[in-house]
Amino acid sequence: MTQIKDTRAAPAPRLDKILDLLPTAVRAYVKSAADKAIFSSGEKECISEIRLRVGGVSSVTARGLAYPIGITLTDAYMDEIIHALTDGSLYAHAETIRDGYIFSHGIR
C-alpha cells in the first residue's frame, strides 16, 4: 500500500500536482473521486489523503470520509506511480517508504 498524504487540507494546486504524477488511466479515477469529495464538502482544499492499494480498495479522503476511487490497481500501475513519486530513486525514499508513505514534490 502506498499513500500520498498531506496532514493539512491539500490546496487545489497540490492536488493538480499529484494528479500529474499518476498514470493517465489512474488519474481519471482519482480525479473523479476527488471531484465527488470536493462537491460533497463544498471546499476545493478538503482533500487530505489519497490511498493507493494494489488489489485493494483505493480511496480519496476528505473531511474524514473515504471516497472509493473505483479502480483496482495492478502491480504495473503501482510501479509506474512509485517511479514517478520517487523520481526513479527508491533508495532516496527508502525510510519513508518503510513508514508507509512517500514524501515527494513537497507532499507527503
N, C-alpha and C. Protein backbone atom coordinates (compact mmCIF):
# COMPACT_ATOMS: atom_id res chain seq x y z
N MET A 1 0.84 -1.17 0.00
CA MET A 1 0.00 0.00 0.00
C MET A 1 0.89 1.24 0.00
N THR A 2 0.56 2.18 -0.82
CA THR A 2 1.25 3.46 -0.86
C THR A 2 0.21 4.53 -0.64
N GLN A 3 0.55 5.49 0.16
CA GLN A 3 -0.39 6.57 0.36
C GLN A 3 0.30 7.90 0.13
N ILE A 4 -0.45 8.81 -0.42
CA ILE A 4 0.01 10.17 -0.59
C ILE A 4 -0.81 10.97 0.38
N LYS A 5 -0.15 11.59 1.34
CA LYS A 5 -0.91 12.24 2.40
C LYS A 5 -0.29 13.58 2.75
N ASP A 6 -1.14 14.54 2.96
CA ASP A 6 -0.75 15.83 3.49
C ASP A 6 -1.52 15.96 4.79
N THR A 7 -0.85 16.23 5.89
CA THR A 7 -1.52 16.28 7.18
C THR A 7 -2.47 17.47 7.28
N ARG A 8 -2.28 18.47 6.43
CA ARG A 8 -3.23 19.59 6.35
C ARG A 8 -4.12 19.36 5.15
N ALA A 9 -5.18 20.13 5.03
CA ALA A 9 -6.01 20.03 3.83
C ALA A 9 -5.17 20.42 2.62
N ALA A 10 -5.23 19.64 1.58
CA ALA A 10 -4.41 19.87 0.39
C ALA A 10 -5.03 20.94 -0.49
N PRO A 11 -4.31 22.04 -0.71
CA PRO A 11 -4.83 23.05 -1.63
C PRO A 11 -4.92 22.50 -3.05
N ALA A 12 -5.77 23.06 -3.84
CA ALA A 12 -6.00 22.59 -5.20
C ALA A 12 -4.71 22.44 -6.01
N PRO A 13 -3.76 23.37 -5.96
CA PRO A 13 -2.53 23.18 -6.75
C PRO A 13 -1.79 21.90 -6.37
N ARG A 14 -1.84 21.51 -5.12
CA ARG A 14 -1.19 20.26 -4.72
C ARG A 14 -1.92 19.07 -5.32
N LEU A 15 -3.23 19.11 -5.33
CA LEU A 15 -3.99 18.03 -5.94
C LEU A 15 -3.65 17.92 -7.42
N ASP A 16 -3.56 19.03 -8.09
CA ASP A 16 -3.18 19.02 -9.51
C ASP A 16 -1.79 18.43 -9.69
N LYS A 17 -0.87 18.77 -8.79
CA LYS A 17 0.50 18.25 -8.86
C LYS A 17 0.50 16.73 -8.69
N ILE A 18 -0.29 16.24 -7.75
CA ILE A 18 -0.39 14.80 -7.53
C ILE A 18 -0.99 14.11 -8.75
N LEU A 19 -2.06 14.67 -9.27
CA LEU A 19 -2.72 14.07 -10.43
C LEU A 19 -1.76 13.98 -11.62
N ASP A 20 -0.91 14.98 -11.79
CA ASP A 20 0.05 14.97 -12.88
C ASP A 20 1.05 13.83 -12.77
N LEU A 21 1.28 13.31 -11.56
CA LEU A 21 2.24 12.23 -11.35
C LEU A 21 1.65 10.84 -11.61
N LEU A 22 0.33 10.76 -11.72
CA LEU A 22 -0.33 9.47 -11.86
C LEU A 22 -0.46 9.07 -13.33
N PRO A 23 -0.45 7.75 -13.59
CA PRO A 23 -0.70 7.29 -14.96
C PRO A 23 -2.06 7.79 -15.43
N THR A 24 -2.20 8.06 -16.70
CA THR A 24 -3.42 8.63 -17.26
C THR A 24 -4.67 7.86 -16.85
N ALA A 25 -4.65 6.54 -16.95
CA ALA A 25 -5.84 5.74 -16.63
C ALA A 25 -6.21 5.86 -15.16
N VAL A 26 -5.22 5.91 -14.29
CA VAL A 26 -5.47 6.03 -12.84
C VAL A 26 -5.90 7.45 -12.51
N ARG A 27 -5.30 8.43 -13.15
CA ARG A 27 -5.59 9.84 -12.89
C ARG A 27 -7.08 10.14 -13.03
N ALA A 28 -7.71 9.60 -14.05
CA ALA A 28 -9.14 9.87 -14.28
C ALA A 28 -9.99 9.38 -13.11
N TYR A 29 -9.67 8.22 -12.58
CA TYR A 29 -10.43 7.67 -11.45
C TYR A 29 -10.21 8.48 -10.17
N VAL A 30 -8.94 8.86 -9.92
CA VAL A 30 -8.63 9.65 -8.73
C VAL A 30 -9.30 11.01 -8.82
N LYS A 31 -9.24 11.62 -10.00
CA LYS A 31 -9.87 12.94 -10.18
C LYS A 31 -11.38 12.86 -9.96
N SER A 32 -12.01 11.80 -10.46
CA SER A 32 -13.45 11.63 -10.28
C SER A 32 -13.81 11.52 -8.80
N ALA A 33 -13.05 10.71 -8.05
CA ALA A 33 -13.32 10.56 -6.61
C ALA A 33 -13.05 11.88 -5.89
N ALA A 34 -11.99 12.59 -6.27
CA ALA A 34 -11.68 13.88 -5.65
C ALA A 34 -12.78 14.89 -5.95
N ASP A 35 -13.30 14.89 -7.17
CA ASP A 35 -14.39 15.80 -7.51
C ASP A 35 -15.63 15.53 -6.66
N LYS A 36 -15.93 14.25 -6.41
CA LYS A 36 -17.07 13.90 -5.56
C LYS A 36 -16.83 14.41 -4.14
N ALA A 37 -15.61 14.24 -3.63
CA ALA A 37 -15.28 14.69 -2.28
C ALA A 37 -15.39 16.21 -2.19
N ILE A 38 -14.87 16.90 -3.18
CA ILE A 38 -14.92 18.37 -3.20
C ILE A 38 -16.37 18.84 -3.29
N PHE A 39 -17.17 18.20 -4.15
CA PHE A 39 -18.57 18.57 -4.29
C PHE A 39 -19.31 18.37 -2.97
N SER A 40 -19.05 17.24 -2.29
CA SER A 40 -19.75 16.94 -1.03
C SER A 40 -19.39 17.92 0.07
N SER A 41 -18.12 18.34 0.11
CA SER A 41 -17.69 19.23 1.19
C SER A 41 -17.88 20.70 0.84
N GLY A 42 -17.92 21.00 -0.46
CA GLY A 42 -18.05 22.38 -0.88
C GLY A 42 -16.76 23.17 -0.83
N GLU A 43 -15.64 22.49 -0.54
CA GLU A 43 -14.35 23.17 -0.46
C GLU A 43 -13.32 22.44 -1.31
N LYS A 44 -12.63 23.18 -2.14
CA LYS A 44 -11.63 22.58 -3.01
C LYS A 44 -10.40 22.10 -2.23
N GLU A 45 -10.17 22.67 -1.06
CA GLU A 45 -8.98 22.33 -0.28
C GLU A 45 -9.24 21.21 0.73
N CYS A 46 -10.30 20.44 0.56
CA CYS A 46 -10.72 19.46 1.56
C CYS A 46 -9.98 18.13 1.48
N ILE A 47 -9.30 17.81 0.39
CA ILE A 47 -8.66 16.51 0.22
C ILE A 47 -7.46 16.42 1.17
N SER A 48 -7.47 15.40 2.02
CA SER A 48 -6.36 15.23 2.97
C SER A 48 -5.52 14.00 2.67
N GLU A 49 -6.05 13.06 1.88
CA GLU A 49 -5.30 11.84 1.66
C GLU A 49 -5.79 11.12 0.40
N ILE A 50 -4.83 10.52 -0.29
CA ILE A 50 -5.13 9.63 -1.39
C ILE A 50 -4.43 8.31 -1.07
N ARG A 51 -5.21 7.26 -0.91
CA ARG A 51 -4.64 5.93 -0.61
C ARG A 51 -4.72 5.08 -1.86
N LEU A 52 -3.58 4.57 -2.28
CA LEU A 52 -3.50 3.73 -3.46
C LEU A 52 -3.04 2.34 -3.02
N ARG A 53 -3.83 1.31 -3.36
CA ARG A 53 -3.54 -0.06 -2.95
C ARG A 53 -3.62 -1.00 -4.16
N VAL A 54 -2.63 -1.86 -4.28
CA VAL A 54 -2.66 -2.88 -5.31
C VAL A 54 -3.64 -3.97 -4.88
N GLY A 55 -4.61 -4.26 -5.72
CA GLY A 55 -5.56 -5.33 -5.46
C GLY A 55 -6.57 -5.04 -4.37
N GLY A 56 -6.56 -3.84 -3.83
CA GLY A 56 -7.50 -3.48 -2.77
C GLY A 56 -8.27 -2.23 -3.13
N VAL A 57 -9.01 -1.73 -2.15
CA VAL A 57 -9.81 -0.53 -2.37
C VAL A 57 -8.94 0.71 -2.18
N SER A 58 -8.81 1.49 -3.22
CA SER A 58 -8.10 2.76 -3.16
C SER A 58 -9.13 3.85 -2.93
N SER A 59 -8.71 4.95 -2.28
CA SER A 59 -9.70 5.98 -1.95
C SER A 59 -9.07 7.36 -1.84
N VAL A 60 -9.96 8.35 -1.90
CA VAL A 60 -9.62 9.75 -1.64
C VAL A 60 -10.35 10.10 -0.35
N THR A 61 -9.64 10.73 0.61
CA THR A 61 -10.25 11.10 1.88
C THR A 61 -10.40 12.61 1.97
N ALA A 62 -11.60 13.01 2.38
CA ALA A 62 -11.90 14.42 2.59
C ALA A 62 -12.77 14.55 3.82
N ARG A 63 -12.33 15.39 4.75
CA ARG A 63 -13.09 15.62 5.98
C ARG A 63 -13.45 14.32 6.70
N GLY A 64 -12.51 13.36 6.67
CA GLY A 64 -12.70 12.11 7.38
C GLY A 64 -13.53 11.06 6.65
N LEU A 65 -14.05 11.39 5.47
CA LEU A 65 -14.84 10.44 4.70
C LEU A 65 -14.03 9.93 3.52
N ALA A 66 -14.08 8.61 3.30
CA ALA A 66 -13.35 8.00 2.19
C ALA A 66 -14.26 7.85 0.98
N TYR A 67 -13.76 8.27 -0.16
CA TYR A 67 -14.48 8.16 -1.43
C TYR A 67 -13.70 7.16 -2.29
N PRO A 68 -14.29 5.98 -2.59
CA PRO A 68 -13.58 4.97 -3.36
C PRO A 68 -13.18 5.48 -4.73
N ILE A 69 -12.01 5.06 -5.17
CA ILE A 69 -11.51 5.50 -6.46
C ILE A 69 -12.14 4.71 -7.60
N GLY A 70 -12.45 3.45 -7.39
CA GLY A 70 -13.18 2.70 -8.41
C GLY A 70 -12.31 1.97 -9.41
N ILE A 71 -11.04 1.82 -9.12
CA ILE A 71 -10.16 1.06 -10.00
C ILE A 71 -9.29 0.18 -9.10
N THR A 72 -9.06 -1.05 -9.56
CA THR A 72 -8.16 -1.93 -8.83
C THR A 72 -6.78 -1.76 -9.46
N LEU A 73 -5.84 -1.28 -8.69
CA LEU A 73 -4.51 -1.03 -9.21
C LEU A 73 -3.74 -2.33 -9.41
N THR A 74 -3.02 -2.39 -10.50
CA THR A 74 -2.16 -3.53 -10.79
C THR A 74 -0.75 -3.22 -10.30
N ASP A 75 0.07 -4.24 -10.26
CA ASP A 75 1.48 -4.04 -9.90
C ASP A 75 2.15 -3.08 -10.87
N ALA A 76 1.80 -3.18 -12.15
CA ALA A 76 2.41 -2.31 -13.17
C ALA A 76 2.04 -0.84 -12.92
N TYR A 77 0.77 -0.57 -12.60
CA TYR A 77 0.37 0.80 -12.28
C TYR A 77 1.13 1.31 -11.06
N MET A 78 1.21 0.49 -10.03
CA MET A 78 1.88 0.92 -8.80
C MET A 78 3.36 1.17 -9.05
N ASP A 79 3.99 0.31 -9.85
CA ASP A 79 5.41 0.54 -10.18
C ASP A 79 5.58 1.89 -10.87
N GLU A 80 4.68 2.20 -11.80
CA GLU A 80 4.74 3.48 -12.52
C GLU A 80 4.53 4.66 -11.56
N ILE A 81 3.58 4.52 -10.65
CA ILE A 81 3.30 5.58 -9.68
C ILE A 81 4.50 5.80 -8.75
N ILE A 82 5.04 4.72 -8.22
CA ILE A 82 6.18 4.82 -7.31
C ILE A 82 7.38 5.42 -8.02
N HIS A 83 7.61 5.01 -9.27
CA HIS A 83 8.72 5.58 -10.04
C HIS A 83 8.55 7.09 -10.19
N ALA A 84 7.33 7.54 -10.50
CA ALA A 84 7.07 8.98 -10.67
C ALA A 84 7.23 9.72 -9.35
N LEU A 85 6.71 9.15 -8.26
CA LEU A 85 6.77 9.83 -6.96
C LEU A 85 8.19 9.92 -6.41
N THR A 86 9.03 8.93 -6.74
CA THR A 86 10.39 8.91 -6.20
C THR A 86 11.42 9.45 -7.19
N ASP A 87 10.95 9.97 -8.31
CA ASP A 87 11.85 10.43 -9.37
C ASP A 87 12.85 9.35 -9.76
N GLY A 88 12.39 8.09 -9.68
CA GLY A 88 13.22 6.96 -10.09
C GLY A 88 14.24 6.52 -9.06
N SER A 89 14.21 7.08 -7.85
CA SER A 89 15.19 6.73 -6.83
C SER A 89 14.51 6.19 -5.58
N LEU A 90 14.29 4.88 -5.56
CA LEU A 90 13.70 4.25 -4.38
C LEU A 90 14.60 4.42 -3.17
N TYR A 91 15.91 4.33 -3.38
CA TYR A 91 16.86 4.42 -2.28
C TYR A 91 16.69 5.74 -1.51
N ALA A 92 16.51 6.83 -2.23
CA ALA A 92 16.39 8.15 -1.59
C ALA A 92 15.13 8.25 -0.74
N HIS A 93 14.16 7.41 -0.99
CA HIS A 93 12.88 7.46 -0.27
C HIS A 93 12.66 6.24 0.62
N ALA A 94 13.69 5.42 0.78
CA ALA A 94 13.55 4.14 1.49
C ALA A 94 12.99 4.30 2.90
N GLU A 95 13.43 5.31 3.63
CA GLU A 95 12.98 5.48 5.01
C GLU A 95 11.47 5.76 5.09
N THR A 96 10.99 6.67 4.27
CA THR A 96 9.56 6.98 4.33
C THR A 96 8.72 5.84 3.75
N ILE A 97 9.24 5.14 2.75
CA ILE A 97 8.52 4.00 2.20
C ILE A 97 8.34 2.93 3.28
N ARG A 98 9.37 2.71 4.08
CA ARG A 98 9.26 1.75 5.19
C ARG A 98 8.16 2.18 6.16
N ASP A 99 7.95 3.49 6.31
CA ASP A 99 6.92 4.00 7.21
C ASP A 99 5.54 4.04 6.55
N GLY A 100 5.46 3.66 5.27
CA GLY A 100 4.17 3.53 4.60
C GLY A 100 3.71 4.72 3.78
N TYR A 101 4.61 5.64 3.50
CA TYR A 101 4.23 6.77 2.66
C TYR A 101 5.43 7.24 1.87
N ILE A 102 5.21 8.13 0.93
CA ILE A 102 6.28 8.73 0.14
C ILE A 102 6.14 10.24 0.23
N PHE A 103 7.23 10.91 0.60
CA PHE A 103 7.26 12.37 0.60
C PHE A 103 7.86 12.77 -0.76
N SER A 104 7.06 13.45 -1.56
CA SER A 104 7.51 13.76 -2.92
C SER A 104 6.93 15.10 -3.36
N HIS A 105 7.75 15.89 -4.00
CA HIS A 105 7.30 17.15 -4.59
C HIS A 105 6.59 18.02 -3.55
N GLY A 106 7.09 17.99 -2.31
CA GLY A 106 6.55 18.82 -1.24
C GLY A 106 5.28 18.29 -0.62
N ILE A 107 4.92 17.05 -0.94
CA ILE A 107 3.68 16.46 -0.46
C ILE A 107 4.00 15.13 0.21
N ARG A 108 3.36 14.88 1.32
CA ARG A 108 3.55 13.59 2.00
C ARG A 108 2.38 12.70 1.64
